[in-house]
C-alpha cells in the first residue's frame, strides 16, 4: 500500500500524504469527515 501511495503522490502535482487516526485496517469517522469536507471546500474554491 505504501508503494502505491508513493506512486500516486509522485504522479499528482500538489498532492499530500496524510495518515488518519486508526488507519491500520479501518479509520475514525470524525477525522475522515473533516478531511473530506476540507478537500471539497478547497476544490469548490478552485472552481
C-alpha atoms as a PDB file:
ATOM      1  CA  UNK A   1       0.000   0.000   0.000  1.00  0.00           C
ATOM      2  CA  UNK A   2       2.825   2.403   0.803  1.00  0.00           C
ATOM      3  CA  UNK A   3       4.377   1.934  -2.640  1.00  0.00           C
ATOM      4  CA  UNK A   4       1.040   2.623  -4.330  1.00  0.00           C
ATOM      5  CA  UNK A   5       0.530   5.758  -2.226  1.00  0.00           C
ATOM      6  CA  UNK A   6       4.020   6.958  -3.121  1.00  0.00           C
ATOM      7  CA  UNK A   7       3.265   6.423  -6.819  1.00  0.00           C
ATOM      8  CA  UNK A   8       0.042   8.420  -6.589  1.00  0.00           C
ATOM      9  CA  UNK A   9       1.801  11.228  -4.726  1.00  0.00           C
ATOM     10  CA  UNK A  10       4.530  11.351  -7.360  1.00  0.00           C
ATOM     11  CA  UNK A  11       2.008  11.462 -10.208  1.00  0.00           C
ATOM     12  CA  UNK A  12      -0.319  14.177  -8.871  1.00  0.00           C
ATOM     13  CA  UNK A  13       1.156  17.668  -8.507  1.00  0.00           C
ATOM     14  CA  UNK A  14       0.318  19.279  -5.175  1.00  0.00           C
ATOM     15  CA  UNK A  15      -0.804  16.026  -3.578  1.00  0.00           C
ATOM     16  CA  UNK A  16      -0.103  15.377   0.093  1.00  0.00           C
ATOM     17  CA  UNK A  17       0.012  12.247   2.201  1.00  0.00           C
ATOM     18  CA  UNK A  18      -1.907  12.156   5.461  1.00  0.00           C
ATOM     19  CA  UNK A  19      -2.441   9.278   7.845  1.00  0.00           C
ATOM     20  CA  UNK A  20      -5.799   9.132   9.556  1.00  0.00           C
ATOM     21  CA  UNK A  21      -6.247   8.010  13.162  1.00  0.00           C
ATOM     22  CA  UNK A  22      -6.946   4.286  13.257  1.00  0.00           C
ATOM     23  CA  UNK A  23      -5.582   3.886   9.725  1.00  0.00           C
ATOM     24  CA  UNK A  24      -4.339   0.319  10.175  1.00  0.00           C
ATOM     25  CA  UNK A  25      -7.407  -1.537   8.916  1.00  0.00           C
ATOM     26  CA  UNK A  26     -10.181   0.984   9.459  1.00  0.00           C
ATOM     27  CA  UNK A  27     -10.457   4.710  10.155  1.00  0.00           C
ATOM     28  CA  UNK A  28     -12.195   7.006  12.589  1.00  0.00           C
ATOM     29  CA  UNK A  29     -15.181   8.788  11.063  1.00  0.00           C
ATOM     30  CA  UNK A  30     -14.791  12.300  12.533  1.00  0.00           C
ATOM     31  CA  UNK A  31     -11.220  12.965  11.306  1.00  0.00           C
ATOM     32  CA  UNK A  32     -12.035  11.427   7.907  1.00  0.00           C
ATOM     33  CA  UNK A  33     -15.171  13.576   7.578  1.00  0.00           C
ATOM     34  CA  UNK A  34     -13.176  16.695   8.438  1.00  0.00           C
ATOM     35  CA  UNK A  35     -10.534  15.890   5.805  1.00  0.00           C
ATOM     36  CA  UNK A  36     -13.155  15.158   3.146  1.00  0.00           C
ATOM     37  CA  UNK A  37     -15.019  18.389   3.932  1.00  0.00           C
ATOM     38  CA  UNK A  38     -11.805  20.403   3.682  1.00  0.00           C
ATOM     39  CA  UNK A  39     -10.985  18.737   0.365  1.00  0.00           C
ATOM     40  CA  UNK A  40     -14.416  19.503  -1.086  1.00  0.00           C
ATOM     41  CA  UNK A  41     -14.300  23.126   0.119  1.00  0.00           C
ATOM     42  CA  UNK A  42     -10.857  23.622  -1.427  1.00  0.00           C
ATOM     43  CA  UNK A  43     -11.974  22.065  -4.705  1.00  0.00           C
ATOM     44  CA  UNK A  44     -15.092  24.282  -4.800  1.00  0.00           C
ATOM     45  CA  UNK A  45     -12.976  27.399  -4.194  1.00  0.00           C
ATOM     46  CA  UNK A  46     -10.717  26.484  -7.123  1.00  0.00           C
ATOM     47  CA  UNK A  47     -13.804  26.283  -9.282  1.00  0.00           C
END
